[in-house]
């Protein structure tokens, strides 16, 4: 019961993972993407600048919170002292 039809390996290639032909395609594809490295560097630089701005804004915000908390606590302390001194 012989068959003259090509086998699966003949139709789809007999190579497996790491086949030399596939490796050559990957190397060619990676080396042709030189422009994406430049774009990636530009994106990283922009992200770094954005991160620096975010850090500065967070620092200023933290100082404002600290200052506001300090003023608020002083106000509460002053109100408590007024109440306790007038009730005696």
PDB file of N, CA and C in Angstrom:
ATOM      1  N   UNK A   1       0.833  -1.176   0.000  1.00  0.00           N
ATOM      2  CA  UNK A   1       0.000   0.000   0.000  1.00  0.00           C
ATOM      3  C   UNK A   1       0.878   1.241   0.000  1.00  0.00           C
ATOM      4  N   UNK A   2       1.705   1.362  -0.960  1.00  0.00           N
ATOM      5  CA  UNK A   2       2.627   2.471  -1.072  1.00  0.00           C
ATOM      6  C   UNK A   2       1.927   3.728  -1.527  1.00  0.00           C
ATOM      7  N   UNK A   3       2.459   4.854  -1.085  1.00  0.00           N
ATOM      8  CA  UNK A   3       1.857   6.127  -1.428  1.00  0.00           C
ATOM      9  C   UNK A   3       2.877   6.971  -2.161  1.00  0.00           C
ATOM     10  N   UNK A   4       2.467   7.644  -3.177  1.00  0.00           N
ATOM     11  CA  UNK A   4       3.382   8.519  -3.911  1.00  0.00           C
ATOM     12  C   UNK A   4       3.291   9.953  -3.424  1.00  0.00           C
ATOM     13  N   UNK A   5       2.394  10.210  -2.508  1.00  0.00           N
ATOM     14  CA  UNK A   5       2.243  11.566  -1.961  1.00  0.00           C
ATOM     15  C   UNK A   5       3.422  11.873  -1.045  1.00  0.00           C
ATOM     16  N   UNK A   6       3.845  13.133  -0.978  1.00  0.00           N
ATOM     17  CA  UNK A   6       4.961  13.492  -0.107  1.00  0.00           C
ATOM     18  C   UNK A   6       4.569  13.363   1.371  1.00  0.00           C
ATOM     19  N   UNK A   7       5.539  13.035   2.187  1.00  0.00           N
ATOM     20  CA  UNK A   7       5.276  12.890   3.614  1.00  0.00           C
ATOM     21  C   UNK A   7       5.130  14.270   4.263  1.00  0.00           C
ATOM     22  N   UNK A   8       4.753  14.257   5.506  1.00  0.00           N
ATOM     23  CA  UNK A   8       4.583  15.512   6.244  1.00  0.00           C
ATOM     24  C   UNK A   8       5.906  16.267   6.309  1.00  0.00           C
ATOM     25  N   UNK A   9       6.980  15.555   6.576  1.00  0.00           N
ATOM     26  CA  UNK A   9       8.293  16.185   6.678  1.00  0.00           C
ATOM     27  C   UNK A   9       8.716  16.799   5.355  1.00  0.00           C
ATOM     28  N   UNK A  10       8.358  16.161   4.256  1.00  0.00           N
ATOM     29  CA  UNK A  10       8.704  16.715   2.947  1.00  0.00           C
ATOM     30  C   UNK A  10       7.919  17.993   2.668  1.00  0.00           C
ATOM     31  N   UNK A  11       6.685  18.039   3.126  1.00  0.00           N
ATOM     32  CA  UNK A  11       5.848  19.211   2.866  1.00  0.00           C
ATOM     33  C   UNK A  11       6.232  20.395   3.738  1.00  0.00           C
ATOM     34  N   UNK A  12       6.490  20.148   5.021  1.00  0.00           N
ATOM     35  CA  UNK A  12       6.672  21.226   5.967  1.00  0.00           C
ATOM     36  C   UNK A  12       8.120  21.434   6.399  1.00  0.00           C
ATOM     37  N   UNK A  13       9.013  20.681   5.851  1.00  0.00           N
ATOM     38  CA  UNK A  13      10.405  20.807   6.230  1.00  0.00           C
ATOM     39  C   UNK A  13      10.737  19.806   7.312  1.00  0.00           C
ATOM     40  N   UNK A  14      11.900  19.246   7.242  1.00  0.00           N
ATOM     41  CA  UNK A  14      12.267  18.212   8.201  1.00  0.00           C
ATOM     42  C   UNK A  14      13.048  18.783   9.365  1.00  0.00           C
ATOM     43  N   UNK A  15      13.322  20.066   9.348  1.00  0.00           N
ATOM     44  CA  UNK A  15      14.096  20.674  10.423  1.00  0.00           C
ATOM     45  C   UNK A  15      13.295  20.776  11.698  1.00  0.00           C
ATOM     46  N   UNK A  16      14.004  20.957  12.796  1.00  0.00           N
ATOM     47  CA  UNK A  16      13.353  21.122  14.088  1.00  0.00           C
ATOM     48  C   UNK A  16      13.712  22.494  14.639  1.00  0.00           C
ATOM     49  N   UNK A  17      13.407  22.728  15.903  1.00  0.00           N
ATOM     50  CA  UNK A  17      13.771  23.996  16.515  1.00  0.00           C
ATOM     51  C   UNK A  17      15.270  24.188  16.404  1.00  0.00           C
ATOM     52  N   UNK A  18      15.676  25.398  16.102  1.00  0.00           N
ATOM     53  CA  UNK A  18      17.097  25.676  15.971  1.00  0.00           C
ATOM     54  C   UNK A  18      17.631  25.296  14.607  1.00  0.00           C
ATOM     55  N   UNK A  19      16.757  25.068  13.661  1.00  0.00           N
ATOM     56  CA  UNK A  19      17.189  24.750  12.314  1.00  0.00           C
ATOM     57  C   UNK A  19      18.031  25.901  11.780  1.00  0.00           C
ATOM     58  N   UNK A  20      19.074  25.595  11.066  1.00  0.00           N
ATOM     59  CA  UNK A  20      20.017  26.614  10.600  1.00  0.00           C
ATOM     60  C   UNK A  20      19.333  27.651   9.725  1.00  0.00           C
ATOM     61  N   UNK A  21      18.401  27.238   8.909  1.00  0.00           N
ATOM     62  CA  UNK A  21      17.700  28.163   8.032  1.00  0.00           C
ATOM     63  C   UNK A  21      16.890  29.168   8.849  1.00  0.00           C
ATOM     64  N   UNK A  22      16.210  28.692   9.883  1.00  0.00           N
ATOM     65  CA  UNK A  22      15.431  29.570  10.748  1.00  0.00           C
ATOM     66  C   UNK A  22      16.335  30.534  11.502  1.00  0.00           C
ATOM     67  N   UNK A  23      17.492  30.046  11.951  1.00  0.00           N
ATOM     68  CA  UNK A  23      18.432  30.905  12.660  1.00  0.00           C
ATOM     69  C   UNK A  23      18.914  32.041  11.776  1.00  0.00           C
ATOM     70  N   UNK A  24      19.176  31.750  10.523  1.00  0.00           N
ATOM     71  CA  UNK A  24      19.640  32.787   9.602  1.00  0.00           C
ATOM     72  C   UNK A  24      18.570  33.856   9.401  1.00  0.00           C
ATOM     73  N   UNK A  25      17.320  33.458   9.357  1.00  0.00           N
ATOM     74  CA  UNK A  25      16.231  34.422   9.205  1.00  0.00           C
ATOM     75  C   UNK A  25      16.158  35.346  10.416  1.00  0.00           C
ATOM     76  N   UNK A  26      16.326  34.783  11.612  1.00  0.00           N
ATOM     77  CA  UNK A  26      16.271  35.588  12.825  1.00  0.00           C
ATOM     78  C   UNK A  26      17.415  36.595  12.889  1.00  0.00           C
ATOM     79  N   UNK A  27      18.607  36.173  12.524  1.00  0.00           N
ATOM     80  CA  UNK A  27      19.761  37.069  12.551  1.00  0.00           C
ATOM     81  C   UNK A  27      19.558  38.210  11.578  1.00  0.00           C
ATOM     82  N   UNK A  28      19.061  37.919  10.402  1.00  0.00           N
ATOM     83  CA  UNK A  28      18.817  38.955   9.406  1.00  0.00           C
ATOM     84  C   UNK A  28      17.753  39.929   9.892  1.00  0.00           C
ATOM     85  N   UNK A  29      16.725  39.399  10.495  1.00  0.00           N
ATOM     86  CA  UNK A  29      15.637  40.247  10.972  1.00  0.00           C
ATOM     87  C   UNK A  29      16.109  41.161  12.102  1.00  0.00           C
ATOM     88  N   UNK A  30      16.897  40.640  13.038  1.00  0.00           N
ATOM     89  CA  UNK A  30      17.382  41.444  14.150  1.00  0.00           C
ATOM     90  C   UNK A  30      18.350  42.516  13.688  1.00  0.00           C
ATOM     91  N   UNK A  31      19.214  42.191  12.751  1.00  0.00           N
ATOM     92  CA  UNK A  31      20.218  43.160  12.324  1.00  0.00           C
ATOM     93  C   UNK A  31      19.611  44.261  11.478  1.00  0.00           C
ATOM     94  N   UNK A  32      18.458  44.031  10.876  1.00  0.00           N
ATOM     95  CA  UNK A  32      17.853  45.056  10.039  1.00  0.00           C
ATOM     96  C   UNK A  32      17.037  46.059  10.842  1.00  0.00           C
ATOM     97  N   UNK A  33      16.928  45.883  12.145  1.00  0.00           N
ATOM     98  CA  UNK A  33      16.116  46.776  12.970  1.00  0.00           C
ATOM     99  C   UNK A  33      16.987  47.789  13.703  1.00  0.00           C
ATOM    100  N   UNK A  34      17.959  48.383  13.033  1.00  0.00           N
ATOM    101  CA  UNK A  34      18.859  49.352  13.656  1.00  0.00           C
ATOM    102  C   UNK A  34      18.157  50.627  14.069  1.00  0.00           C
ATOM    103  N   UNK A  35      17.104  51.029  13.374  1.00  0.00           N
ATOM    104  CA  UNK A  35      16.379  52.247  13.704  1.00  0.00           C
ATOM    105  C   UNK A  35      15.613  52.144  15.000  1.00  0.00           C
ATOM    106  N   UNK A  36      15.215  50.935  15.358  1.00  0.00           N
ATOM    107  CA  UNK A  36      14.436  50.782  16.585  1.00  0.00           C
ATOM    108  C   UNK A  36      15.301  51.012  17.817  1.00  0.00           C
ATOM    109  N   UNK A  37      16.606  50.743  17.716  1.00  0.00           N
ATOM    110  CA  UNK A  37      17.496  51.008  18.850  1.00  0.00           C
ATOM    111  C   UNK A  37      17.567  52.501  19.134  1.00  0.00           C
ATOM    112  N   UNK A  38      17.598  53.303  18.091  1.00  0.00           N
ATOM    113  CA  UNK A  38      17.636  54.757  18.247  1.00  0.00           C
ATOM    114  C   UNK A  38      16.329  55.250  18.863  1.00  0.00           C
ATOM    115  N   UNK A  39      15.230  54.698  18.379  1.00  0.00           N
ATOM    116  CA  UNK A  39      13.926  55.080  18.924  1.00  0.00           C
ATOM    117  C   UNK A  39      13.819  54.695  20.393  1.00  0.00           C
ATOM    118  N   UNK A  40      14.350  53.520  20.737  1.00  0.00           N
ATOM    119  CA  UNK A  40      14.312  53.057  22.120  1.00  0.00           C
ATOM    120  C   UNK A  40      15.138  53.985  23.008  1.00  0.00           C
ATOM    121  N   UNK A  41      16.297  54.410  22.517  1.00  0.00           N
ATOM    122  CA  UNK A  41      17.143  55.314  23.294  1.00  0.00           C
ATOM    123  C   UNK A  41      16.436  56.651  23.513  1.00  0.00           C
ATOM    124  N   UNK A  42      15.776  57.143  22.485  1.00  0.00           N
ATOM    125  CA  UNK A  42      15.035  58.404  22.614  1.00  0.00           C
ATOM    126  C   UNK A  42      13.883  58.258  23.599  1.00  0.00           C
ATOM    127  N   UNK A  43      13.198  57.121  23.550  1.00  0.00           N
ATOM    128  CA  UNK A  43      12.083  56.889  24.473  1.00  0.00           C
ATOM    129  C   UNK A  43      12.586  56.802  25.909  1.00  0.00           C
ATOM    130  N   UNK A  44      13.739  56.148  26.103  1.00  0.00           N
ATOM    131  CA  UNK A  44      14.302  56.046  27.449  1.00  0.00           C
ATOM    132  C   UNK A  44      14.709  57.420  27.965  1.00  0.00           C
ATOM    133  N   UNK A  45      15.270  58.258  27.088  1.00  0.00           N
ATOM    134  CA  UNK A  45      15.669  59.596  27.506  1.00  0.00           C
ATOM    135  C   UNK A  45      14.446  60.424  27.897  1.00  0.00           C
ATOM    136  N   UNK A  46      13.383  60.306  27.118  1.00  0.00           N
ATOM    137  CA  UNK A  46      12.159  61.044  27.435  1.00  0.00           C
ATOM    138  C   UNK A  46      11.551  60.538  28.741  1.00  0.00           C
ATOM    139  N   UNK A  47      11.575  59.238  28.935  1.00  0.00           N
ATOM    140  CA  UNK A  47      11.031  58.672  30.170  1.00  0.00           C
ATOM    141  C   UNK A  47      11.857  59.101  31.377  1.00  0.00           C
ATOM    142  N   UNK A  48      13.160  59.176  31.192  1.00  0.00           N
ATOM    143  CA  UNK A  48      14.039  59.604  32.278  1.00  0.00           C
ATOM    144  C   UNK A  48      13.752  61.053  32.660  1.00  0.00           C
ATOM    145  N   UNK A  49      13.556  61.895  31.643  1.00  0.00           N
ATOM    146  CA  UNK A  49      13.233  63.297  31.920  1.00  0.00           C
ATOM    147  C   UNK A  49      11.888  63.399  32.632  1.00  0.00           C
ATOM    148  N   UNK A  50      10.938  62.604  32.200  1.00  0.00           N
ATOM    149  CA  UNK A  50       9.630  62.587  32.852  1.00  0.00           C
ATOM    150  C   UNK A  50       9.718  62.102  34.281  1.00  0.00           C
ATOM    151  N   UNK A  51      10.572  61.116  34.512  1.00  0.00           N
ATOM    152  CA  UNK A  51      10.754  60.588  35.860  1.00  0.00           C
ATOM    153  C   UNK A  51      11.365  61.644  36.774  1.00  0.00           C
ATOM    154  N   UNK A  52      12.335  62.393  36.245  1.00  0.00           N
ATOM    155  CA  UNK A  52      12.940  63.464  37.034  1.00  0.00           C
ATOM    156  C   UNK A  52      11.901  64.522  37.414  1.00  0.00           C
ATOM    157  N   UNK A  53      11.035  64.854  36.473  1.00  0.00           N
ATOM    158  CA  UNK A  53       9.973  65.828  36.754  1.00  0.00           C
ATOM    159  C   UNK A  53       9.007  65.289  37.809  1.00  0.00           C
ATOM    160  N   UNK A  54       8.680  64.011  37.700  1.00  0.00           N
ATOM    161  CA  UNK A  54       7.763  63.399  38.667  1.00  0.00           C
ATOM    162  C   UNK A  54       8.384  63.381  40.058  1.00  0.00           C
ATOM    163  N   UNK A  55       9.673  63.086  40.124  1.00  0.00           N
ATOM    164  CA  UNK A  55      10.353  63.083  41.420  1.00  0.00           C
ATOM    165  C   UNK A  55      10.335  64.472  42.038  1.00  0.00           C
ATOM    166  N   UNK A  56      10.595  65.487  41.224  1.00  0.00           N
ATOM    167  CA  UNK A  56      10.596  66.860  41.731  1.00  0.00           C
ATOM    168  C   UNK A  56       9.202  67.252  42.223  1.00  0.00           C
ATOM    169  N   UNK A  57       8.193  66.899  41.462  1.00  0.00           N
ATOM    170  CA  UNK A  57       6.818  67.224  41.856  1.00  0.00           C
ATOM    171  C   UNK A  57       6.439  66.487  43.143  1.00  0.00           C
ATOM    172  N   UNK A  58       6.849  65.246  43.262  1.00  0.00           N
ATOM    173  CA  UNK A  58       6.546  64.483  44.475  1.00  0.00           C
ATOM    174  C   UNK A  58       7.256  65.085  45.681  1.00  0.00           C
ATOM    175  N   UNK A  59       8.482  65.542  45.475  1.00  0.00           N
ATOM    176  CA  UNK A  59       9.238  66.155  46.566  1.00  0.00           C
ATOM    177  C   UNK A  59       8.563  67.444  47.037  1.00  0.00           C
ATOM    178  N   UNK A  60       8.150  68.267  46.084  1.00  0.00           N
ATOM    179  CA  UNK A  60       7.464  69.511  46.436  1.00  0.00           C
ATOM    180  C   UNK A  60       6.142  69.190  47.135  1.00  0.00           C
ATOM    181  N   UNK A  61       5.423  68.212  46.637  1.00  0.00           N
ATOM    182  CA  UNK A  61       4.158  67.819  47.255  1.00  0.00           C
ATOM    183  C   UNK A  61       4.354  67.323  48.675  1.00  0.00           C
ATOM    184  N   UNK A  62       5.401  66.538  48.889  1.00  0.00           N
ATOM    185  CA  UNK A  62       5.679  66.033  50.234  1.00  0.00           C
ATOM    186  C   UNK A  62       6.015  67.172  51.188  1.00  0.00           C
ATOM    187  N   UNK A  63       6.760  68.156  50.718  1.00  0.00           N
ATOM    188  CA  UNK A  63       7.088  69.313  51.555  1.00  0.00           C
ATOM    189  C   UNK A  63       5.825  70.093  51.922  1.00  0.00           C
ATOM    190  N   UNK A  64       4.917  70.223  50.961  1.00  0.00           N
ATOM    191  CA  UNK A  64       3.659  70.929  51.237  1.00  0.00           C
ATOM    192  C   UNK A  64       2.824  70.176  52.267  1.00  0.00           C
ATOM    193  N   UNK A  65       2.773  68.869  52.144  1.00  0.00           N
ATOM    194  CA  UNK A  65       2.019  68.064  53.109  1.00  0.00           C
ATOM    195  C   UNK A  65       2.635  68.197  54.496  1.00  0.00           C
ATOM    196  N   UNK A  66       3.956  68.124  54.547  1.00  0.00           N
ATOM    197  CA  UNK A  66       4.654  68.233  55.829  1.00  0.00           C
ATOM    198  C   UNK A  66       4.396  69.597  56.467  1.00  0.00           C
ATOM    199  N   UNK A  67       4.477  70.641  55.663  1.00  0.00           N
ATOM    200  CA  UNK A  67       4.250  71.995  56.168  1.00  0.00           C
ATOM    201  C   UNK A  67       2.801  72.166  56.628  1.00  0.00           C
ATOM    202  N   UNK A  68       1.869  71.682  55.814  1.00  0.00           N
ATOM    203  CA  UNK A  68       0.458  71.797  56.166  1.00  0.00           C
ATOM    204  C   UNK A  68       0.124  71.033  57.431  1.00  0.00           C
ATOM    205  N   UNK A  69       0.711  69.869  57.587  1.00  0.00           N
ATOM    206  CA  UNK A  69       0.484  69.068  58.792  1.00  0.00           C
ATOM    207  C   UNK A  69       1.021  69.785  60.021  1.00  0.00           C
ATOM    208  N   UNK A  70       2.205  70.363  59.869  1.00  0.00           N
ATOM    209  CA  UNK A  70       2.808  71.084  60.988  1.00  0.00           C
ATOM    210  C   UNK A  70       1.939  72.275  61.411  1.00  0.00           C
ATOM    211  N   UNK A  71       1.484  73.030  60.428  1.00  0.00           N
ATOM    212  CA  UNK A  71       0.619  74.185  60.729  1.00  0.00           C
ATOM    213  C   UNK A  71      -0.684  73.711  61.365  1.00  0.00           C
ATOM    214  N   UNK A  72      -1.240  72.643  60.848  1.00  0.00           N
ATOM    215  CA  UNK A  72      -2.492  72.112  61.392  1.00  0.00           C
ATOM    216  C   UNK A  72      -2.349  71.642  62.827  1.00  0.00           C
ATOM    217  N   UNK A  73      -1.272  70.948  63.120  1.00  0.00           N
ATOM    218  CA  UNK A  73      -1.057  70.470  64.487  1.00  0.00           C
ATOM    219  C   UNK A  73      -0.840  71.633  65.455  1.00  0.00           C
ATOM    220  N   UNK A  74      -0.120  72.655  65.002  1.00  0.00           N
ATOM    221  CA  UNK A  74       0.079  73.834  65.849  1.00  0.00           C
ATOM    222  C   UNK A  74      -1.252  74.520  66.137  1.00  0.00           C
ATOM    223  N   UNK A  75      -2.122  74.581  65.124  1.00  0.00           N
ATOM    224  CA  UNK A  75      -3.427  75.209  65.297  1.00  0.00           C
ATOM    225  C   UNK A  75      -4.259  74.421  66.312  1.00  0.00           C
ATOM    226  N   UNK A  76      -4.253  73.080  66.177  1.00  0.00           N
ATOM    227  CA  UNK A  76      -5.012  72.249  67.115  1.00  0.00           C
ATOM    228  C   UNK A  76      -4.473  72.425  68.532  1.00  0.00           C
ATOM    229  N   UNK A  77      -3.154  72.441  68.676  1.00  0.00           N
ATOM    230  CA  UNK A  77      -2.540  72.618  69.991  1.00  0.00           C
ATOM    231  C   UNK A  77      -2.922  73.967  70.598  1.00  0.00           C
ATOM    232  N   UNK A  78      -2.922  74.999  69.772  1.00  0.00           N
ATOM    233  CA  UNK A  78      -3.281  76.340  70.232  1.00  0.00           C
ATOM    234  C   UNK A  78      -4.743  76.376  70.679  1.00  0.00           C
ATOM    235  N   UNK A  79      -5.635  75.742  69.897  1.00  0.00           N
ATOM    236  CA  UNK A  79      -7.049  75.705  70.251  1.00  0.00           C
ATOM    237  C   UNK A  79      -7.269  74.949  71.556  1.00  0.00           C
ATOM    238  N   UNK A  80      -6.547  73.857  71.759  1.00  0.00           N
ATOM    239  CA  UNK A  80      -6.665  73.077  72.982  1.00  0.00           C
ATOM    240  C   UNK A  80      -6.181  73.892  74.182  1.00  0.00           C
ATOM    241  N   UNK A  81      -5.071  74.626  73.994  1.00  0.00           N
ATOM    242  CA  UNK A  81      -4.547  75.442  75.088  1.00  0.00           C
ATOM    243  C   UNK A  81      -5.517  76.563  75.445  1.00  0.00           C
ATOM    244  N   UNK A  82      -6.161  77.176  74.458  1.00  0.00           N
ATOM    245  CA  UNK A  82      -7.153  78.214  74.723  1.00  0.00           C
ATOM    246  C   UNK A  82      -8.317  77.636  75.509  1.00  0.00           C
ATOM    247  N   UNK A  83      -8.798  76.471  75.097  1.00  0.00           N
ATOM    248  CA  UNK A  83      -9.943  75.863  75.754  1.00  0.00           C
ATOM    249  C   UNK A  83      -9.608  75.443  77.183  1.00  0.00           C
ATOM    250  N   UNK A  84      -8.446  74.854  77.385  1.00  0.00           N
ATOM    251  CA  UNK A  84      -8.097  74.362  78.710  1.00  0.00           C
ATOM    252  C   UNK A  84      -7.769  75.513  79.676  1.00  0.00           C
ATOM    253  N   UNK A  85      -7.219  76.615  79.191  1.00  0.00           N
ATOM    254  CA  UNK A  85      -6.895  77.733  80.064  1.00  0.00           C
ATOM    255  C   UNK A  85      -8.152  78.540  80.418  1.00  0.00           C
ATOM    256  N   UNK A  86      -9.138  78.607  79.536  1.00  0.00           N
ATOM    257  CA  UNK A  86     -10.354  79.367  79.825  1.00  0.00           C
ATOM    258  C   UNK A  86     -11.331  78.591  80.707  1.00  0.00           C
ATOM    259  N   UNK A  87     -11.267  77.278  80.722  1.00  0.00           N
ATOM    260  CA  UNK A  87     -12.212  76.495  81.515  1.00  0.00           C
ATOM    261  C   UNK A  87     -11.755  76.356  82.960  1.00  0.00           C
ATOM    262  N   UNK A  88     -10.544  76.734  83.308  1.00  0.00           N
ATOM    263  CA  UNK A  88     -10.062  76.591  84.663  1.00  0.00           C
ATOM    264  C   UNK A  88     -10.277  77.801  85.479  1.00  0.00           C
TER     265      UNK A  88
END
